[in-house]
mmCIF file of all heavy atoms, coordinates in Angstrom:
data_MODEL
# 
_entry.id   MODEL 
# 
loop_
_atom_site.group_PDB 
_atom_site.id 
_atom_site.type_symbol 
_atom_site.label_atom_id 
_atom_site.label_alt_id 
_atom_site.label_comp_id 
_atom_site.label_asym_id 
_atom_site.label_entity_id 
_atom_site.label_seq_id 
_atom_site.pdbx_PDB_ins_code 
_atom_site.Cartn_x 
_atom_site.Cartn_y 
_atom_site.Cartn_z 
_atom_site.occupancy 
_atom_site.B_iso_or_equiv 
_atom_site.pdbx_formal_charge 
_atom_site.auth_seq_id 
_atom_site.auth_comp_id 
_atom_site.auth_asym_id 
_atom_site.auth_atom_id 
_atom_site.pdbx_PDB_model_num 
ATOM 1   N N   . PRO A 1 1  ? -7.196  -5.060  7.249   1.00 0.00 ? 1  PRO A N   1 
ATOM 2   C CA  . PRO A 1 1  ? -7.333  -6.507  7.476   1.00 0.00 ? 1  PRO A CA  1 
ATOM 3   C C   . PRO A 1 1  ? -8.771  -6.942  7.184   1.00 0.00 ? 1  PRO A C   1 
ATOM 4   O O   . PRO A 1 1  ? -9.713  -6.440  7.792   1.00 0.00 ? 1  PRO A O   1 
ATOM 5   C CB  . PRO A 1 1  ? -6.991  -6.665  8.961   1.00 0.00 ? 1  PRO A CB  1 
ATOM 6   C CG  . PRO A 1 1  ? -6.266  -5.422  9.346   1.00 0.00 ? 1  PRO A CG  1 
ATOM 7   C CD  . PRO A 1 1  ? -6.831  -4.338  8.484   1.00 0.00 ? 1  PRO A CD  1 
ATOM 8   N N   . MET A 1 2  ? -8.954  -7.849  6.240   1.00 0.00 ? 2  MET A N   1 
ATOM 9   C CA  . MET A 1 2  ? -10.283 -8.278  5.828   1.00 0.00 ? 2  MET A CA  1 
ATOM 10  C C   . MET A 1 2  ? -10.288 -9.792  5.636   1.00 0.00 ? 2  MET A C   1 
ATOM 11  O O   . MET A 1 2  ? -9.257  -10.411 5.372   1.00 0.00 ? 2  MET A O   1 
ATOM 12  C CB  . MET A 1 2  ? -10.687 -7.605  4.507   1.00 0.00 ? 2  MET A CB  1 
ATOM 13  C CG  . MET A 1 2  ? -10.658 -6.094  4.519   1.00 0.00 ? 2  MET A CG  1 
ATOM 14  S SD  . MET A 1 2  ? -11.980 -5.360  5.484   1.00 0.00 ? 2  MET A SD  1 
ATOM 15  C CE  . MET A 1 2  ? -13.389 -5.727  4.438   1.00 0.00 ? 2  MET A CE  1 
ATOM 16  N N   . LEU A 1 3  ? -11.494 -10.399 5.741   1.00 0.00 ? 3  LEU A N   1 
ATOM 17  C CA  . LEU A 1 3  ? -11.624 -11.822 5.442   1.00 0.00 ? 3  LEU A CA  1 
ATOM 18  C C   . LEU A 1 3  ? -11.396 -12.069 3.955   1.00 0.00 ? 3  LEU A C   1 
ATOM 19  O O   . LEU A 1 3  ? -10.839 -13.085 3.548   1.00 0.00 ? 3  LEU A O   1 
ATOM 20  C CB  . LEU A 1 3  ? -13.005 -12.321 5.860   1.00 0.00 ? 3  LEU A CB  1 
ATOM 21  C CG  . LEU A 1 3  ? -13.276 -12.342 7.370   1.00 0.00 ? 3  LEU A CG  1 
ATOM 22  C CD1 . LEU A 1 3  ? -14.715 -12.773 7.629   1.00 0.00 ? 3  LEU A CD1 1 
ATOM 23  C CD2 . LEU A 1 3  ? -12.306 -13.279 8.080   1.00 0.00 ? 3  LEU A CD2 1 
ATOM 24  N N   . LYS A 1 4  ? -11.843 -11.131 3.125   1.00 0.00 ? 4  LYS A N   1 
ATOM 25  C CA  . LYS A 1 4  ? -11.611 -11.210 1.689   1.00 0.00 ? 4  LYS A CA  1 
ATOM 26  C C   . LYS A 1 4  ? -10.490 -10.243 1.334   1.00 0.00 ? 4  LYS A C   1 
ATOM 27  O O   . LYS A 1 4  ? -10.596 -9.047  1.573   1.00 0.00 ? 4  LYS A O   1 
ATOM 28  C CB  . LYS A 1 4  ? -12.875 -10.843 0.914   1.00 0.00 ? 4  LYS A CB  1 
ATOM 29  C CG  . LYS A 1 4  ? -14.009 -11.846 1.036   1.00 0.00 ? 4  LYS A CG  1 
ATOM 30  C CD  . LYS A 1 4  ? -15.159 -11.453 0.130   1.00 0.00 ? 4  LYS A CD  1 
ATOM 31  C CE  . LYS A 1 4  ? -16.258 -12.512 0.141   1.00 0.00 ? 4  LYS A CE  1 
ATOM 32  N NZ  . LYS A 1 4  ? -17.369 -12.172 -0.771  1.00 0.00 ? 4  LYS A NZ  1 
ATOM 33  N N   . GLY A 1 5  ? -9.420  -10.765 0.761   1.00 0.00 ? 5  GLY A N   1 
ATOM 34  C CA  . GLY A 1 5  ? -8.294  -9.914  0.420   1.00 0.00 ? 5  GLY A CA  1 
ATOM 35  C C   . GLY A 1 5  ? -8.305  -9.490  -1.028  1.00 0.00 ? 5  GLY A C   1 
ATOM 36  O O   . GLY A 1 5  ? -9.025  -10.039 -1.857  1.00 0.00 ? 5  GLY A O   1 
ATOM 37  N N   . SER A 1 6  ? -7.494  -8.515  -1.347  1.00 0.00 ? 6  SER A N   1 
ATOM 38  C CA  . SER A 1 6  ? -7.331  -8.080  -2.722  1.00 0.00 ? 6  SER A CA  1 
ATOM 39  C C   . SER A 1 6  ? -6.268  -8.930  -3.401  1.00 0.00 ? 6  SER A C   1 
ATOM 40  O O   . SER A 1 6  ? -5.531  -9.683  -2.759  1.00 0.00 ? 6  SER A O   1 
ATOM 41  C CB  . SER A 1 6  ? -6.956  -6.604  -2.759  1.00 0.00 ? 6  SER A CB  1 
ATOM 42  O OG  . SER A 1 6  ? -5.839  -6.356  -1.927  1.00 0.00 ? 6  SER A OG  1 
ATOM 43  N N   . THR A 1 7  ? -6.172  -8.827  -4.707  1.00 0.00 ? 7  THR A N   1 
ATOM 44  C CA  . THR A 1 7  ? -5.194  -9.602  -5.463  1.00 0.00 ? 7  THR A CA  1 
ATOM 45  C C   . THR A 1 7  ? -4.508  -8.702  -6.482  1.00 0.00 ? 7  THR A C   1 
ATOM 46  O O   . THR A 1 7  ? -5.123  -7.797  -7.054  1.00 0.00 ? 7  THR A O   1 
ATOM 47  C CB  . THR A 1 7  ? -5.849  -10.787 -6.200  1.00 0.00 ? 7  THR A CB  1 
ATOM 48  O OG1 . THR A 1 7  ? -6.814  -10.294 -7.126  1.00 0.00 ? 7  THR A OG1 1 
ATOM 49  C CG2 . THR A 1 7  ? -6.531  -11.720 -5.228  1.00 0.00 ? 7  THR A CG2 1 
ATOM 50  N N   . ASP A 1 8  ? -3.220  -8.973  -6.703  1.00 0.00 ? 8  ASP A N   1 
ATOM 51  C CA  . ASP A 1 8  ? -2.442  -8.281  -7.721  1.00 0.00 ? 8  ASP A CA  1 
ATOM 52  C C   . ASP A 1 8  ? -2.446  -6.770  -7.516  1.00 0.00 ? 8  ASP A C   1 
ATOM 53  O O   . ASP A 1 8  ? -3.087  -6.013  -8.251  1.00 0.00 ? 8  ASP A O   1 
ATOM 54  C CB  . ASP A 1 8  ? -2.958  -8.638  -9.116  1.00 0.00 ? 8  ASP A CB  1 
ATOM 55  C CG  . ASP A 1 8  ? -2.789  -10.116 -9.427  1.00 0.00 ? 8  ASP A CG  1 
ATOM 56  O OD1 . ASP A 1 8  ? -1.950  -10.756 -8.782  1.00 0.00 ? 8  ASP A OD1 1 
ATOM 57  O OD2 . ASP A 1 8  ? -3.508  -10.620 -10.306 1.00 0.00 ? 8  ASP A OD2 1 
ATOM 58  N N   . ILE A 1 9  ? -1.696  -6.336  -6.525  1.00 0.00 ? 9  ILE A N   1 
ATOM 59  C CA  . ILE A 1 9  ? -1.537  -4.914  -6.225  1.00 0.00 ? 9  ILE A CA  1 
ATOM 60  C C   . ILE A 1 9  ? -0.092  -4.526  -6.533  1.00 0.00 ? 9  ILE A C   1 
ATOM 61  O O   . ILE A 1 9  ? 0.850   -5.190  -6.083  1.00 0.00 ? 9  ILE A O   1 
ATOM 62  C CB  . ILE A 1 9  ? -1.840  -4.611  -4.742  1.00 0.00 ? 9  ILE A CB  1 
ATOM 63  C CG1 . ILE A 1 9  ? -3.198  -5.186  -4.339  1.00 0.00 ? 9  ILE A CG1 1 
ATOM 64  C CG2 . ILE A 1 9  ? -1.774  -3.115  -4.484  1.00 0.00 ? 9  ILE A CG2 1 
ATOM 65  C CD1 . ILE A 1 9  ? -4.374  -4.618  -5.083  1.00 0.00 ? 9  ILE A CD1 1 
ATOM 66  N N   . HIS A 1 10 ? 0.075   -3.467  -7.287  1.00 0.00 ? 10 HIS A N   1 
ATOM 67  C CA  . HIS A 1 10 ? 1.407   -3.031  -7.703  1.00 0.00 ? 10 HIS A CA  1 
ATOM 68  C C   . HIS A 1 10 ? 1.572   -1.565  -7.302  1.00 0.00 ? 10 HIS A C   1 
ATOM 69  O O   . HIS A 1 10 ? 0.863   -0.697  -7.800  1.00 0.00 ? 10 HIS A O   1 
ATOM 70  C CB  . HIS A 1 10 ? 1.552   -3.196  -9.221  1.00 0.00 ? 10 HIS A CB  1 
ATOM 71  C CG  . HIS A 1 10 ? 2.972   -3.123  -9.695  1.00 0.00 ? 10 HIS A CG  1 
ATOM 72  N ND1 . HIS A 1 10 ? 3.354   -3.476  -10.957 1.00 0.00 ? 10 HIS A ND1 1 
ATOM 73  C CD2 . HIS A 1 10 ? 4.110   -2.732  -9.061  1.00 0.00 ? 10 HIS A CD2 1 
ATOM 74  C CE1 . HIS A 1 10 ? 4.659   -3.325  -11.097 1.00 0.00 ? 10 HIS A CE1 1 
ATOM 75  N NE2 . HIS A 1 10 ? 5.136   -2.856  -9.956  1.00 0.00 ? 10 HIS A NE2 1 
ATOM 76  N N   . VAL A 1 11 ? 2.531   -1.297  -6.400  1.00 0.00 ? 11 VAL A N   1 
ATOM 77  C CA  . VAL A 1 11 ? 2.821   0.063   -5.937  1.00 0.00 ? 11 VAL A CA  1 
ATOM 78  C C   . VAL A 1 11 ? 4.219   0.411   -6.422  1.00 0.00 ? 11 VAL A C   1 
ATOM 79  O O   . VAL A 1 11 ? 5.216   -0.115  -5.912  1.00 0.00 ? 11 VAL A O   1 
ATOM 80  C CB  . VAL A 1 11 ? 2.729   0.155   -4.394  1.00 0.00 ? 11 VAL A CB  1 
ATOM 81  C CG1 . VAL A 1 11 ? 2.972   1.589   -3.938  1.00 0.00 ? 11 VAL A CG1 1 
ATOM 82  C CG2 . VAL A 1 11 ? 1.376   -0.346  -3.902  1.00 0.00 ? 11 VAL A CG2 1 
ATOM 83  N N   . SER A 1 12 ? 4.315   1.271   -7.420  1.00 0.00 ? 12 SER A N   1 
ATOM 84  C CA  . SER A 1 12 ? 5.590   1.459   -8.110  1.00 0.00 ? 12 SER A CA  1 
ATOM 85  C C   . SER A 1 12 ? 5.850   2.916   -8.466  1.00 0.00 ? 12 SER A C   1 
ATOM 86  O O   . SER A 1 12 ? 4.929   3.656   -8.840  1.00 0.00 ? 12 SER A O   1 
ATOM 87  C CB  . SER A 1 12 ? 5.588   0.621   -9.393  1.00 0.00 ? 12 SER A CB  1 
ATOM 88  O OG  . SER A 1 12 ? 6.772   0.802   -10.120 1.00 0.00 ? 12 SER A OG  1 
ATOM 89  N N   . ASP A 1 13 ? 7.120   3.334   -8.338  1.00 0.00 ? 13 ASP A N   1 
ATOM 90  C CA  . ASP A 1 13 ? 7.601   4.627   -8.843  1.00 0.00 ? 13 ASP A CA  1 
ATOM 91  C C   . ASP A 1 13 ? 6.894   5.821   -8.208  1.00 0.00 ? 13 ASP A C   1 
ATOM 92  O O   . ASP A 1 13 ? 6.723   6.866   -8.844  1.00 0.00 ? 13 ASP A O   1 
ATOM 93  C CB  . ASP A 1 13 ? 7.454   4.696   -10.371 1.00 0.00 ? 13 ASP A CB  1 
ATOM 94  C CG  . ASP A 1 13 ? 8.285   3.632   -11.062 1.00 0.00 ? 13 ASP A CG  1 
ATOM 95  O OD1 . ASP A 1 13 ? 9.510   3.618   -10.867 1.00 0.00 ? 13 ASP A OD1 1 
ATOM 96  O OD2 . ASP A 1 13 ? 7.698   2.795   -11.783 1.00 0.00 ? 13 ASP A OD2 1 
ATOM 97  N N   . ASN A 1 14 ? 6.471   5.665   -6.965  1.00 0.00 ? 14 ASN A N   1 
ATOM 98  C CA  . ASN A 1 14 ? 5.830   6.762   -6.248  1.00 0.00 ? 14 ASN A CA  1 
ATOM 99  C C   . ASN A 1 14 ? 6.821   7.481   -5.342  1.00 0.00 ? 14 ASN A C   1 
ATOM 100 O O   . ASN A 1 14 ? 7.854   6.934   -4.950  1.00 0.00 ? 14 ASN A O   1 
ATOM 101 C CB  . ASN A 1 14 ? 4.679   6.227   -5.381  1.00 0.00 ? 14 ASN A CB  1 
ATOM 102 C CG  . ASN A 1 14 ? 3.644   5.492   -6.199  1.00 0.00 ? 14 ASN A CG  1 
ATOM 103 O OD1 . ASN A 1 14 ? 2.812   6.093   -6.863  1.00 0.00 ? 14 ASN A OD1 1 
ATOM 104 N ND2 . ASN A 1 14 ? 3.687   4.154   -6.154  1.00 0.00 ? 14 ASN A ND2 1 
ATOM 105 N N   . VAL A 1 15 ? 6.466   8.711   -4.974  1.00 0.00 ? 15 VAL A N   1 
ATOM 106 C CA  . VAL A 1 15 ? 7.132   9.427   -3.891  1.00 0.00 ? 15 VAL A CA  1 
ATOM 107 C C   . VAL A 1 15 ? 6.145   9.469   -2.727  1.00 0.00 ? 15 VAL A C   1 
ATOM 108 O O   . VAL A 1 15 ? 5.091   10.108  -2.816  1.00 0.00 ? 15 VAL A O   1 
ATOM 109 C CB  . VAL A 1 15 ? 7.540   10.854  -4.305  1.00 0.00 ? 15 VAL A CB  1 
ATOM 110 C CG1 . VAL A 1 15 ? 8.131   11.603  -3.108  1.00 0.00 ? 15 VAL A CG1 1 
ATOM 111 C CG2 . VAL A 1 15 ? 8.539   10.813  -5.454  1.00 0.00 ? 15 VAL A CG2 1 
ATOM 112 N N   . LEU A 1 16 ? 6.486   8.750   -1.656  1.00 0.00 ? 16 LEU A N   1 
ATOM 113 C CA  . LEU A 1 16 ? 5.633   8.668   -0.474  1.00 0.00 ? 16 LEU A CA  1 
ATOM 114 C C   . LEU A 1 16 ? 6.383   9.370   0.661   1.00 0.00 ? 16 LEU A C   1 
ATOM 115 O O   . LEU A 1 16 ? 7.528   9.028   0.948   1.00 0.00 ? 16 LEU A O   1 
ATOM 116 C CB  . LEU A 1 16 ? 5.342   7.210   -0.116  1.00 0.00 ? 16 LEU A CB  1 
ATOM 117 C CG  . LEU A 1 16 ? 4.880   6.309   -1.278  1.00 0.00 ? 16 LEU A CG  1 
ATOM 118 C CD1 . LEU A 1 16 ? 4.686   4.880   -0.783  1.00 0.00 ? 16 LEU A CD1 1 
ATOM 119 C CD2 . LEU A 1 16 ? 3.618   6.847   -1.923  1.00 0.00 ? 16 LEU A CD2 1 
ATOM 120 N N   . LYS A 1 17 ? 5.718   10.317  1.328   1.00 0.00 ? 17 LYS A N   1 
ATOM 121 C CA  . LYS A 1 17 ? 6.491   11.127  2.267   1.00 0.00 ? 17 LYS A CA  1 
ATOM 122 C C   . LYS A 1 17 ? 5.668   11.580  3.473   1.00 0.00 ? 17 LYS A C   1 
ATOM 123 O O   . LYS A 1 17 ? 4.449   11.707  3.421   1.00 0.00 ? 17 LYS A O   1 
ATOM 124 C CB  . LYS A 1 17 ? 7.067   12.347  1.552   1.00 0.00 ? 17 LYS A CB  1 
ATOM 125 C CG  . LYS A 1 17 ? 6.028   13.262  0.911   1.00 0.00 ? 17 LYS A CG  1 
ATOM 126 C CD  . LYS A 1 17 ? 6.686   14.405  0.145   1.00 0.00 ? 17 LYS A CD  1 
ATOM 127 C CE  . LYS A 1 17 ? 5.641   15.342  -0.444  1.00 0.00 ? 17 LYS A CE  1 
ATOM 128 N NZ  . LYS A 1 17 ? 6.277   16.472  -1.164  1.00 0.00 ? 17 LYS A NZ  1 
ATOM 129 N N   . ASP A 1 18 ? 6.390   11.788  4.580   1.00 0.00 ? 18 ASP A N   1 
ATOM 130 C CA  . ASP A 1 18 ? 5.904   12.519  5.750   1.00 0.00 ? 18 ASP A CA  1 
ATOM 131 C C   . ASP A 1 18 ? 4.562   11.997  6.268   1.00 0.00 ? 18 ASP A C   1 
ATOM 132 O O   . ASP A 1 18 ? 3.611   12.764  6.452   1.00 0.00 ? 18 ASP A O   1 
ATOM 133 C CB  . ASP A 1 18 ? 5.795   14.023  5.433   1.00 0.00 ? 18 ASP A CB  1 
ATOM 134 C CG  . ASP A 1 18 ? 7.113   14.599  4.946   1.00 0.00 ? 18 ASP A CG  1 
ATOM 135 O OD1 . ASP A 1 18 ? 8.164   14.080  5.355   1.00 0.00 ? 18 ASP A OD1 1 
ATOM 136 O OD2 . ASP A 1 18 ? 7.086   15.554  4.142   1.00 0.00 ? 18 ASP A OD2 1 
ATOM 137 N N   . SER A 1 19 ? 4.497   10.695  6.514   1.00 0.00 ? 19 SER A N   1 
ATOM 138 C CA  . SER A 1 19 ? 3.284   10.059  7.020   1.00 0.00 ? 19 SER A CA  1 
ATOM 139 C C   . SER A 1 19 ? 3.675   9.081   8.136   1.00 0.00 ? 19 SER A C   1 
ATOM 140 O O   . SER A 1 19 ? 4.853   8.932   8.460   1.00 0.00 ? 19 SER A O   1 
ATOM 141 C CB  . SER A 1 19 ? 2.559   9.328   5.892   1.00 0.00 ? 19 SER A CB  1 
ATOM 142 O OG  . SER A 1 19 ? 2.373   10.173  4.765   1.00 0.00 ? 19 SER A OG  1 
ATOM 143 N N   . GLU A 1 20 ? 2.672   8.410   8.727   1.00 0.00 ? 20 GLU A N   1 
ATOM 144 C CA  . GLU A 1 20 ? 2.982   7.342   9.671   1.00 0.00 ? 20 GLU A CA  1 
ATOM 145 C C   . GLU A 1 20 ? 3.535   6.118   8.932   1.00 0.00 ? 20 GLU A C   1 
ATOM 146 O O   . GLU A 1 20 ? 4.525   5.513   9.344   1.00 0.00 ? 20 GLU A O   1 
ATOM 147 C CB  . GLU A 1 20 ? 1.732   6.948   10.467  1.00 0.00 ? 20 GLU A CB  1 
ATOM 148 C CG  . GLU A 1 20 ? 1.299   7.967   11.505  1.00 0.00 ? 20 GLU A CG  1 
ATOM 149 C CD  . GLU A 1 20 ? 2.273   8.058   12.665  1.00 0.00 ? 20 GLU A CD  1 
ATOM 150 O OE1 . GLU A 1 20 ? 2.947   7.044   12.978  1.00 0.00 ? 20 GLU A OE1 1 
ATOM 151 O OE2 . GLU A 1 20 ? 2.380   9.147   13.248  1.00 0.00 ? 20 GLU A OE2 1 
ATOM 152 N N   . TYR A 1 21 ? 2.881   5.744   7.832   1.00 0.00 ? 21 TYR A N   1 
ATOM 153 C CA  . TYR A 1 21 ? 3.264   4.584   7.036   1.00 0.00 ? 21 TYR A CA  1 
ATOM 154 C C   . TYR A 1 21 ? 3.341   4.983   5.564   1.00 0.00 ? 21 TYR A C   1 
ATOM 155 O O   . TYR A 1 21 ? 2.524   5.775   5.081   1.00 0.00 ? 21 TYR A O   1 
ATOM 156 C CB  . TYR A 1 21 ? 2.248   3.450   7.172   1.00 0.00 ? 21 TYR A CB  1 
ATOM 157 C CG  . TYR A 1 21 ? 2.056   2.932   8.572   1.00 0.00 ? 21 TYR A CG  1 
ATOM 158 C CD1 . TYR A 1 21 ? 1.103   3.501   9.414   1.00 0.00 ? 21 TYR A CD1 1 
ATOM 159 C CD2 . TYR A 1 21 ? 2.805   1.855   9.056   1.00 0.00 ? 21 TYR A CD2 1 
ATOM 160 C CE1 . TYR A 1 21 ? 0.909   3.028   10.704  1.00 0.00 ? 21 TYR A CE1 1 
ATOM 161 C CE2 . TYR A 1 21 ? 2.618   1.373   10.343  1.00 0.00 ? 21 TYR A CE2 1 
ATOM 162 C CZ  . TYR A 1 21 ? 1.676   1.965   11.166  1.00 0.00 ? 21 TYR A CZ  1 
ATOM 163 O OH  . TYR A 1 21 ? 1.483   1.488   12.443  1.00 0.00 ? 21 TYR A OH  1 
ATOM 164 N N   . GLY A 1 22 ? 4.300   4.372   4.861   1.00 0.00 ? 22 GLY A N   1 
ATOM 165 C CA  . GLY A 1 22 ? 4.308   4.525   3.415   1.00 0.00 ? 22 GLY A CA  1 
ATOM 166 C C   . GLY A 1 22 ? 3.313   3.575   2.775   1.00 0.00 ? 22 GLY A C   1 
ATOM 167 O O   . GLY A 1 22 ? 2.300   3.982   2.216   1.00 0.00 ? 22 GLY A O   1 
ATOM 168 N N   . VAL A 1 23 ? 3.583   2.267   2.883   1.00 0.00 ? 23 VAL A N   1 
ATOM 169 C CA  . VAL A 1 23 ? 2.701   1.225   2.367   1.00 0.00 ? 23 VAL A CA  1 
ATOM 170 C C   . VAL A 1 23 ? 2.397   0.268   3.509   1.00 0.00 ? 23 VAL A C   1 
ATOM 171 O O   . VAL A 1 23 ? 3.312   -0.330  4.080   1.00 0.00 ? 23 VAL A O   1 
ATOM 172 C CB  . VAL A 1 23 ? 3.347   0.467   1.192   1.00 0.00 ? 23 VAL A CB  1 
ATOM 173 C CG1 . VAL A 1 23 ? 2.413   -0.635  0.690   1.00 0.00 ? 23 VAL A CG1 1 
ATOM 174 C CG2 . VAL A 1 23 ? 3.699   1.419   0.061   1.00 0.00 ? 23 VAL A CG2 1 
ATOM 175 N N   . SER A 1 24 ? 1.120   0.110   3.843   1.00 0.00 ? 24 SER A N   1 
ATOM 176 C CA  . SER A 1 24 ? 0.702   -0.746  4.957   1.00 0.00 ? 24 SER A CA  1 
ATOM 177 C C   . SER A 1 24 ? -0.409  -1.663  4.455   1.00 0.00 ? 24 SER A C   1 
ATOM 178 O O   . SER A 1 24 ? -1.544  -1.231  4.251   1.00 0.00 ? 24 SER A O   1 
ATOM 179 C CB  . SER A 1 24 ? 0.202   0.118   6.128   1.00 0.00 ? 24 SER A CB  1 
ATOM 180 O OG  . SER A 1 24 ? -0.233  -0.677  7.208   1.00 0.00 ? 24 SER A OG  1 
# 
């Protein structure tokens, strides 16, 4: 969480596993 945010983020075709969060 930031006052300045990022722009245009693309999360695609990944294998995300065995964590607390995949994409947060």
